[in-house]
PDB file of N, CA and C in Angstrom:
ATOM      1  N   MET A   1     153.082-128.711  78.035  1.00  0.00           N
ATOM      2  CA  MET A   1     154.380-129.346  78.457  1.00  0.00           C
ATOM      3  C   MET A   1     155.068-128.374  79.455  1.00  0.00           C
ATOM      4  N   GLN A   2     154.588-127.188  79.677  1.00  0.00           N
ATOM      5  CA  GLN A   2     155.142-126.229  80.715  1.00  0.00           C
ATOM      6  C   GLN A   2     155.068-126.883  82.053  1.00  0.00           C
ATOM      7  N   HIS A   3     154.086-127.828  82.287  1.00  0.00           N
ATOM      8  CA  HIS A   3     153.878-128.340  83.566  1.00  0.00           C
ATOM      9  C   HIS A   3     154.170-129.815  83.663  1.00  0.00           C
ATOM     10  N   TYR A   4     154.908-130.440  82.604  1.00  0.00           N
ATOM     11  CA  TYR A   4     155.280-131.749  82.493  1.00  0.00           C
ATOM     12  C   TYR A   4     156.546-131.969  83.280  1.00  0.00           C
ATOM     13  N   GLU A   5     156.554-132.875  84.228  1.00  0.00           N
ATOM     14  CA  GLU A   5     157.768-132.968  84.994  1.00  0.00           C
ATOM     15  C   GLU A   5     158.330-134.319  85.008  1.00  0.00           C
ATOM     16  N   SER A   6     157.949-135.236  84.283  1.00  0.00           N
ATOM     17  CA  SER A   6     158.420-136.543  84.061  1.00  0.00           C
ATOM     18  C   SER A   6     159.615-136.633  83.244  1.00  0.00           C
ATOM     19  N   GLU A   7     160.437-137.620  83.439  1.00  0.00           N
ATOM     20  CA  GLU A   7     161.600-137.777  82.553  1.00  0.00           C
ATOM     21  C   GLU A   7     161.327-138.647  81.352  1.00  0.00           C
ATOM     22  N   ALA A   8     160.000-139.160  81.340  1.00  0.00           N
ATOM     23  CA  ALA A   8     159.672-140.007  80.194  1.00  0.00           C
ATOM     24  C   ALA A   8     159.533-139.255  78.892  1.00  0.00           C
ATOM     25  N   ILE A   9     159.935-139.868  77.837  1.00  0.00           N
ATOM     26  CA  ILE A   9     159.824-139.162  76.479  1.00  0.00           C
ATOM     27  C   ILE A   9     158.524-138.955  76.039  1.00  0.00           C
ATOM     28  N   ILE A  10     158.114-137.925  75.568  1.00  0.00           N
ATOM     29  CA  ILE A  10     156.765-137.691  74.892  1.00  0.00           C
ATOM     30  C   ILE A  10     156.846-137.582  73.382  1.00  0.00           C
ATOM     31  N   ASN A  11     156.191-138.581  72.688  1.00  0.00           N
ATOM     32  CA  ASN A  11     156.197-138.411  71.233  1.00  0.00           C
ATOM     33  C   ASN A  11     155.134-137.444  70.868  1.00  0.00           C
ATOM     34  N   ILE A  12     155.450-136.633  69.867  1.00  0.00           N
ATOM     35  CA  ILE A  12     154.551-135.688  69.322  1.00  0.00           C
ATOM     36  C   ILE A  12     153.957-136.208  67.898  1.00  0.00           C
ATOM     37  N   GLY A  13     152.636-136.315  67.713  1.00  0.00           N
ATOM     38  CA  GLY A  13     152.105-136.776  66.669  1.00  0.00           C
ATOM     39  C   GLY A  13     150.562-136.885  66.733  1.00  0.00           C
ATOM     40  N   VAL A  14     150.016-137.499  65.762  1.00  0.00           N
ATOM     41  CA  VAL A  14     148.474-137.588  65.750  1.00  0.00           C
ATOM     42  C   VAL A  14     148.032-138.962  66.035  1.00  0.00           C
ATOM     43  N   GLY A  15     148.949-139.938  66.068  1.00  0.00           N
ATOM     44  CA  GLY A  15     148.592-141.289  66.394  1.00  0.00           C
ATOM     45  C   GLY A  15     147.935-142.078  65.212  1.00  0.00           C
ATOM     46  N   LYS A  16     148.207-141.514  63.979  1.00  0.00           N
ATOM     47  CA  LYS A  16     147.662-142.269  62.815  1.00  0.00           C
ATOM     48  C   LYS A  16     148.835-142.586  61.800  1.00  0.00           C
ATOM     49  N   ASP A  17     148.839-143.697  61.273  1.00  0.00           N
ATOM     50  CA  ASP A  17     150.037-144.027  60.414  1.00  0.00           C
ATOM     51  C   ASP A  17     149.611-143.835  58.852  1.00  0.00           C
ATOM     52  N   ILE A  18     150.521-143.471  58.020  1.00  0.00           N
ATOM     53  CA  ILE A  18     150.496-143.063  56.697  1.00  0.00           C
ATOM     54  C   ILE A  18     151.568-143.752  56.001  1.00  0.00           C
ATOM     55  N   GLY A  19     151.341-144.464  54.927  1.00  0.00           N
ATOM     56  CA  GLY A  19     152.436-145.000  54.161  1.00  0.00           C
ATOM     57  C   GLY A  19     153.164-143.943  53.291  1.00  0.00           C
ATOM     58  N   ILE A  20     154.369-144.369  53.037  1.00  0.00           N
ATOM     59  CA  ILE A  20     155.204-143.506  52.217  1.00  0.00           C
ATOM     60  C   ILE A  20     154.577-143.082  50.780  1.00  0.00           C
ATOM     61  N   ARG A  21     154.048-144.084  50.138  1.00  0.00           N
ATOM     62  CA  ARG A  21     153.310-143.814  48.880  1.00  0.00           C
ATOM     63  C   ARG A  21     152.154-142.822  49.106  1.00  0.00           C
ATOM     64  N   ASP A  22     151.383-143.196  50.107  1.00  0.00           N
ATOM     65  CA  ASP A  22     150.148-142.274  50.372  1.00  0.00           C
ATOM     66  C   ASP A  22     150.634-140.868  50.706  1.00  0.00           C
ATOM     67  N   LEU A  23     151.716-140.734  51.474  1.00  0.00           N
ATOM     68  CA  LEU A  23     152.251-139.352  51.871  1.00  0.00           C
ATOM     69  C   LEU A  23     152.744-138.770  50.642  1.00  0.00           C
ATOM     70  N   ALA A  24     153.469-139.452  49.707  1.00  0.00           N
ATOM     71  CA  ALA A  24     153.915-138.868  48.503  1.00  0.00           C
ATOM     72  C   ALA A  24     152.865-138.332  47.626  1.00  0.00           C
ATOM     73  N   GLU A  25     151.822-139.203  47.499  1.00  0.00           N
ATOM     74  CA  GLU A  25     150.699-138.809  46.754  1.00  0.00           C
ATOM     75  C   GLU A  25     149.923-137.602  47.258  1.00  0.00           C
ATOM     76  N   LEU A  26     149.850-137.516  48.624  1.00  0.00           N
ATOM     77  CA  LEU A  26     149.195-136.412  49.305  1.00  0.00           C
ATOM     78  C   LEU A  26     150.052-135.007  48.972  1.00  0.00           C
ATOM     79  N   VAL A  27     151.334-135.088  49.085  1.00  0.00           N
ATOM     80  CA  VAL A  27     152.225-133.988  48.783  1.00  0.00           C
ATOM     81  C   VAL A  27     152.100-133.624  47.416  1.00  0.00           C
ATOM     82  N   LYS A  28     152.012-134.702  46.586  1.00  0.00           N
ATOM     83  CA  LYS A  28     151.835-134.251  45.026  1.00  0.00           C
ATOM     84  C   LYS A  28     150.605-133.564  44.772  1.00  0.00           C
ATOM     85  N   GLU A  29     149.519-133.954  45.390  1.00  0.00           N
ATOM     86  CA  GLU A  29     148.339-133.400  45.161  1.00  0.00           C
ATOM     87  C   GLU A  29     148.263-131.912  45.765  1.00  0.00           C
ATOM     88  N   VAL A  30     148.753-131.730  46.935  1.00  0.00           N
ATOM     89  CA  VAL A  30     148.728-130.434  47.601  1.00  0.00           C
ATOM     90  C   VAL A  30     149.446-129.497  46.771  1.00  0.00           C
ATOM     91  N   VAL A  31     150.761-129.874  46.326  1.00  0.00           N
ATOM     92  CA  VAL A  31     151.550-128.891  45.542  1.00  0.00           C
ATOM     93  C   VAL A  31     151.161-128.686  44.092  1.00  0.00           C
ATOM     94  N   GLY A  32     150.444-129.627  43.575  1.00  0.00           N
ATOM     95  CA  GLY A  32     149.957-129.579  42.184  1.00  0.00           C
ATOM     96  C   GLY A  32     151.010-130.175  41.191  1.00  0.00           C
ATOM     97  N   TYR A  33     151.798-131.112  41.768  1.00  0.00           N
ATOM     98  CA  TYR A  33     152.844-131.722  40.933  1.00  0.00           C
ATOM     99  C   TYR A  33     152.183-132.589  40.015  1.00  0.00           C
ATOM    100  N   PRO A  34     152.422-132.335  38.582  1.00  0.00           N
ATOM    101  CA  PRO A  34     151.762-133.193  37.524  1.00  0.00           C
ATOM    102  C   PRO A  34     152.474-134.517  37.200  1.00  0.00           C
ATOM    103  N   GLY A  35     153.696-134.676  37.629  1.00  0.00           N
ATOM    104  CA  GLY A  35     154.611-135.795  37.154  1.00  0.00           C
ATOM    105  C   GLY A  35     154.078-137.026  37.939  1.00  0.00           C
ATOM    106  N   ALA A  36     154.893-138.071  37.608  1.00  0.00           N
ATOM    107  CA  ALA A  36     154.710-139.374  38.196  1.00  0.00           C
ATOM    108  C   ALA A  36     155.671-139.510  39.385  1.00  0.00           C
ATOM    109  N   ILE A  37     155.283-140.281  40.363  1.00  0.00           N
ATOM    110  CA  ILE A  37     156.168-140.612  41.550  1.00  0.00           C
ATOM    111  C   ILE A  37     156.782-141.970  41.148  1.00  0.00           C
ATOM    112  N   GLN A  38     158.121-142.051  41.229  1.00  0.00           N
ATOM    113  CA  GLN A  38     158.802-143.318  41.098  1.00  0.00           C
ATOM    114  C   GLN A  38     159.410-143.760  42.274  1.00  0.00           C
ATOM    115  N   PHE A  39     159.407-145.055  42.562  1.00  0.00           N
ATOM    116  CA  PHE A  39     160.017-145.552  43.777  1.00  0.00           C
ATOM    117  C   PHE A  39     161.057-146.545  43.297  1.00  0.00           C
ATOM    118  N   ASP A  40     162.152-146.557  44.058  1.00  0.00           N
ATOM    119  CA  ASP A  40     163.126-147.566  43.597  1.00  0.00           C
ATOM    120  C   ASP A  40     163.107-148.685  44.442  1.00  0.00           C
ATOM    121  N   THR A  41     162.437-149.779  43.851  1.00  0.00           N
ATOM    122  CA  THR A  41     162.115-150.966  44.565  1.00  0.00           C
ATOM    123  C   THR A  41     163.276-151.868  44.857  1.00  0.00           C
ATOM    124  N   SER A  42     164.596-151.567  44.315  1.00  0.00           N
ATOM    125  CA  SER A  42     165.757-152.167  44.615  1.00  0.00           C
ATOM    126  C   SER A  42     166.234-151.888  45.871  1.00  0.00           C
ATOM    127  N   LYS A  43     165.796-150.753  46.575  1.00  0.00           N
ATOM    128  CA  LYS A  43     166.364-150.386  47.801  1.00  0.00           C
ATOM    129  C   LYS A  43     165.485-151.026  48.956  1.00  0.00           C
ATOM    130  N   PRO A  44     166.014-151.178  50.095  1.00  0.00           N
ATOM    131  CA  PRO A  44     165.168-151.752  51.341  1.00  0.00           C
ATOM    132  C   PRO A  44     164.094-150.769  51.609  1.00  0.00           C
ATOM    133  N   ASP A  45     163.000-151.259  52.202  1.00  0.00           N
ATOM    134  CA  ASP A  45     161.857-150.447  52.607  1.00  0.00           C
ATOM    135  C   ASP A  45     162.059-149.736  53.898  1.00  0.00           C
ATOM    136  N   GLY A  46     162.902-150.258  54.666  1.00  0.00           N
ATOM    137  CA  GLY A  46     163.116-149.678  56.059  1.00  0.00           C
ATOM    138  C   GLY A  46     162.079-150.260  57.050  1.00  0.00           C
ATOM    139  N   THR A  47     161.878-149.557  58.008  1.00  0.00           N
ATOM    140  CA  THR A  47     160.877-149.977  58.999  1.00  0.00           C
ATOM    141  C   THR A  47     159.497-150.004  58.419  1.00  0.00           C
ATOM    142  N   LEU A  48     158.774-151.093  58.593  1.00  0.00           N
ATOM    143  CA  LEU A  48     157.424-151.142  57.954  1.00  0.00           C
ATOM    144  C   LEU A  48     156.416-150.172  58.531  1.00  0.00           C
ATOM    145  N   GLN A  49     156.519-149.923  59.807  1.00  0.00           N
ATOM    146  CA  GLN A  49     155.653-148.878  60.413  1.00  0.00           C
ATOM    147  C   GLN A  49     156.400-147.900  61.172  1.00  0.00           C
ATOM    148  N   LYS A  50     156.084-146.687  60.953  1.00  0.00           N
ATOM    149  CA  LYS A  50     156.759-145.597  61.690  1.00  0.00           C
ATOM    150  C   LYS A  50     155.847-144.688  62.525  1.00  0.00           C
ATOM    151  N   LEU A  51     154.842-145.368  63.089  1.00  0.00           N
ATOM    152  CA  LEU A  51     153.758-144.789  63.912  1.00  0.00           C
ATOM    153  C   LEU A  51     154.357-144.579  65.312  1.00  0.00           C
ATOM    154  N   LEU A  52     154.315-143.433  65.804  1.00  0.00           N
ATOM    155  CA  LEU A  52     154.703-143.107  67.168  1.00  0.00           C
ATOM    156  C   LEU A  52     153.522-143.436  68.197  1.00  0.00           C
ATOM    157  N   ASP A  53     153.900-143.849  69.356  1.00  0.00           N
ATOM    158  CA  ASP A  53     152.976-144.065  70.452  1.00  0.00           C
ATOM    159  C   ASP A  53     152.692-142.710  71.066  1.00  0.00           C
ATOM    160  N   VAL A  54     151.603-142.045  70.867  1.00  0.00           N
ATOM    161  CA  VAL A  54     151.317-140.694  71.553  1.00  0.00           C
ATOM    162  C   VAL A  54     150.430-140.859  72.747  1.00  0.00           C
ATOM    163  N   SER A  55     150.207-142.036  73.261  1.00  0.00           N
ATOM    164  CA  SER A  55     149.326-142.133  74.311  1.00  0.00           C
ATOM    165  C   SER A  55     149.735-141.260  75.589  1.00  0.00           C
ATOM    166  N   ARG A  56     150.926-140.946  75.867  1.00  0.00           N
ATOM    167  CA  ARG A  56     151.292-139.995  77.049  1.00  0.00           C
ATOM    168  C   ARG A  56     150.848-138.744  76.666  1.00  0.00           C
ATOM    169  N   LEU A  57     151.062-138.259  75.462  1.00  0.00           N
ATOM    170  CA  LEU A  57     150.666-136.881  75.118  1.00  0.00           C
ATOM    171  C   LEU A  57     149.157-136.798  75.076  1.00  0.00           C
ATOM    172  N   GLN A  58     148.372-137.873  74.671  1.00  0.00           N
ATOM    173  CA  GLN A  58     146.910-137.675  74.829  1.00  0.00           C
ATOM    174  C   GLN A  58     146.429-137.765  76.140  1.00  0.00           C
ATOM    175  N   ALA A  59     147.202-138.484  77.019  1.00  0.00           N
ATOM    176  CA  ALA A  59     146.798-138.514  78.443  1.00  0.00           C
ATOM    177  C   ALA A  59     146.967-137.160  79.063  1.00  0.00           C
ATOM    178  N   LEU A  60     147.802-136.291  78.587  1.00  0.00           N
ATOM    179  CA  LEU A  60     147.915-134.979  79.146  1.00  0.00           C
ATOM    180  C   LEU A  60     146.838-134.130  78.425  1.00  0.00           C
ATOM    181  N   GLY A  61     145.939-134.603  77.651  1.00  0.00           N
ATOM    182  CA  GLY A  61     144.847-133.809  77.105  1.00  0.00           C
ATOM    183  C   GLY A  61     145.133-133.150  75.652  1.00  0.00           C
ATOM    184  N   TRP A  62     146.284-133.491  75.228  1.00  0.00           N
ATOM    185  CA  TRP A  62     146.653-132.742  73.849  1.00  0.00           C
ATOM    186  C   TRP A  62     146.120-133.653  72.674  1.00  0.00           C
ATOM    187  N   GLN A  63     145.571-132.996  71.751  1.00  0.00           N
ATOM    188  CA  GLN A  63     145.157-133.497  70.461  1.00  0.00           C
ATOM    189  C   GLN A  63     145.532-132.590  69.304  1.00  0.00           C
ATOM    190  N   ALA A  64     145.904-133.075  68.265  1.00  0.00           N
ATOM    191  CA  ALA A  64     146.251-132.314  66.957  1.00  0.00           C
ATOM    192  C   ALA A  64     145.004-131.660  66.635  1.00  0.00           C
ATOM    193  N   ARG A  65     145.253-130.356  66.214  1.00  0.00           N
ATOM    194  CA  ARG A  65     144.089-129.516  65.636  1.00  0.00           C
ATOM    195  C   ARG A  65     144.225-129.266  64.204  1.00  0.00           C
ATOM    196  N   ILE A  66     145.306-129.791  63.618  1.00  0.00           N
ATOM    197  CA  ILE A  66     145.577-129.517  62.171  1.00  0.00           C
ATOM    198  C   ILE A  66     145.798-130.884  61.580  1.00  0.00           C
ATOM    199  N   SER A  67     144.997-131.119  60.485  1.00  0.00           N
ATOM    200  CA  SER A  67     145.244-132.342  59.695  1.00  0.00           C
ATOM    201  C   SER A  67     146.520-132.343  59.014  1.00  0.00           C
ATOM    202  N   LEU A  68     146.961-133.437  58.655  1.00  0.00           N
ATOM    203  CA  LEU A  68     148.229-133.743  57.865  1.00  0.00           C
ATOM    204  C   LEU A  68     148.065-132.843  56.447  1.00  0.00           C
ATOM    205  N   ARG A  69     146.995-133.019  55.890  1.00  0.00           N
ATOM    206  CA  ARG A  69     146.726-132.351  54.644  1.00  0.00           C
ATOM    207  C   ARG A  69     146.797-130.898  54.775  1.00  0.00           C
ATOM    208  N   LYS A  70     146.162-130.299  55.767  1.00  0.00           N
ATOM    209  CA  LYS A  70     146.111-128.896  56.026  1.00  0.00           C
ATOM    210  C   LYS A  70     147.552-128.513  56.500  1.00  0.00           C
ATOM    211  N   GLY A  71     148.271-129.180  57.227  1.00  0.00           N
ATOM    212  CA  GLY A  71     149.684-128.780  57.634  1.00  0.00           C
ATOM    213  C   GLY A  71     150.588-128.710  56.430  1.00  0.00           C
ATOM    214  N   ILE A  72     150.590-129.763  55.476  1.00  0.00           N
ATOM    215  CA  ILE A  72     151.341-129.689  54.401  1.00  0.00           C
ATOM    216  C   ILE A  72     150.957-128.576  53.591  1.00  0.00           C
ATOM    217  N   LYS A  73     149.670-128.303  53.396  1.00  0.00           N
ATOM    218  CA  LYS A  73     149.201-127.181  52.421  1.00  0.00           C
ATOM    219  C   LYS A  73     149.724-125.761  53.084  1.00  0.00           C
ATOM    220  N   SER A  74     149.615-125.648  54.419  1.00  0.00           N
ATOM    221  CA  SER A  74     149.995-124.304  54.990  1.00  0.00           C
ATOM    222  C   SER A  74     151.458-124.235  54.908  1.00  0.00           C
ATOM    223  N   THR A  75     152.231-125.296  55.124  1.00  0.00           N
ATOM    224  CA  THR A  75     153.658-125.213  54.993  1.00  0.00           C
ATOM    225  C   THR A  75     154.179-124.955  53.632  1.00  0.00           C
ATOM    226  N   TYR A  76     153.474-125.487  52.656  1.00  0.00           N
ATOM    227  CA  TYR A  76     153.812-125.224  51.248  1.00  0.00           C
ATOM    228  C   TYR A  76     153.483-123.812  50.886  1.00  0.00           C
ATOM    229  N   GLN A  77     152.394-123.364  51.346  1.00  0.00           N
ATOM    230  CA  GLN A  77     152.054-121.986  51.093  1.00  0.00           C
ATOM    231  C   GLN A  77     153.115-120.997  51.904  1.00  0.00           C
ATOM    232  N   TRP A  78     153.495-121.313  53.030  1.00  0.00           N
ATOM    233  CA  TRP A  78     154.523-120.566  53.636  1.00  0.00           C
ATOM    234  C   TRP A  78     155.823-120.506  52.803  1.00  0.00           C
ATOM    235  N   TYR A  79     156.229-121.643  52.276  1.00  0.00           N
ATOM    236  CA  TYR A  79     157.341-121.692  51.499  1.00  0.00           C
ATOM    237  C   TYR A  79     157.286-120.798  50.226  1.00  0.00           C
ATOM    238  N   LEU A  80     156.085-121.008  49.544  1.00  0.00           N
ATOM    239  CA  LEU A  80     155.937-120.021  48.373  1.00  0.00           C
ATOM    240  C   LEU A  80     155.902-118.574  48.770  1.00  0.00           C
ATOM    241  N   ASP A  81     155.391-118.250  49.830  1.00  0.00           N
ATOM    242  CA  ASP A  81     155.330-116.850  50.213  1.00  0.00           C
ATOM    243  C   ASP A  81     156.752-116.368  50.598  1.00  0.00           C
ATOM    244  N   HIS A  82     157.710-117.244  51.068  1.00  0.00           N
ATOM    245  CA  HIS A  82     158.990-116.795  51.716  1.00  0.00           C
ATOM    246  C   HIS A  82     160.065-117.318  50.926  1.00  0.00           C
ATOM    247  N   GLN A  83     160.009-118.013  49.805  1.00  0.00           N
ATOM    248  CA  GLN A  83     161.095-118.774  49.121  1.00  0.00           C
ATOM    249  C   GLN A  83     162.205-117.758  48.653  1.00  0.00           C
ATOM    250  N   GLY A  84     161.761-116.656  48.140  1.00  0.00           N
ATOM    251  CA  GLY A  84     162.771-115.623  47.742  1.00  0.00           C
ATOM    252  C   GLY A  84     163.732-115.091  48.773  1.00  0.00           C
ATOM    253  N   ARG A  85     163.309-115.187  49.985  1.00  0.00           N
ATOM    254  CA  ARG A  85     164.139-114.683  51.099  1.00  0.00           C
ATOM    255  C   ARG A  85     165.346-115.726  51.328  1.00  0.00           C
ATOM    256  N   PHE A  86     165.166-116.925  50.854  1.00  0.00           N
ATOM    257  CA  PHE A  86     166.209-117.921  51.362  1.00  0.00           C
ATOM    258  C   PHE A  86     167.075-118.333  50.219  1.00  0.00           C
ATOM    259  N   ARG A  87     166.851-117.752  48.920  1.00  0.00           N
ATOM    260  CA  ARG A  87     167.746-118.155  47.804  1.00  0.00           C
ATOM    261  C   ARG A  87     169.119-117.378  47.889  1.00  0.00           C
ATOM    262  N   GLN A  88     170.024-118.215  47.657  1.00  0.00           N
ATOM    263  CA  GLN A  88     171.436-117.605  47.639  1.00  0.00           C
ATOM    264  C   GLN A  88     171.664-116.940  46.257  1.00  0.00           C
ATOM    265  N   THR A  89     172.381-115.933  46.222  1.00  0.00           N
ATOM    266  CA  THR A  89     172.708-115.331  44.801  1.00  0.00           C
ATOM    267  C   THR A  89     174.022-115.516  44.458  1.00  0.00           C
TER     268      THR A  89
END
């Protein structure tokens, strides 16, 4: 992006869609949460698809090197390693 000079917006993402339920299940698995996930079906679902168009980014030669699972896992591990630093007393 240091050499990107267009005013066009660049979306950052991997170009793959994942449903909220699938994402919740993935997070549950990664963090080892043993409980059930509950959804409030009385609330609106919102936008059915939240997939970003990453074609401009890919045209610049960029591709994600970290999978969603690996990114969640490393972020969770970072949180576990640093959580004591952010707690208020």
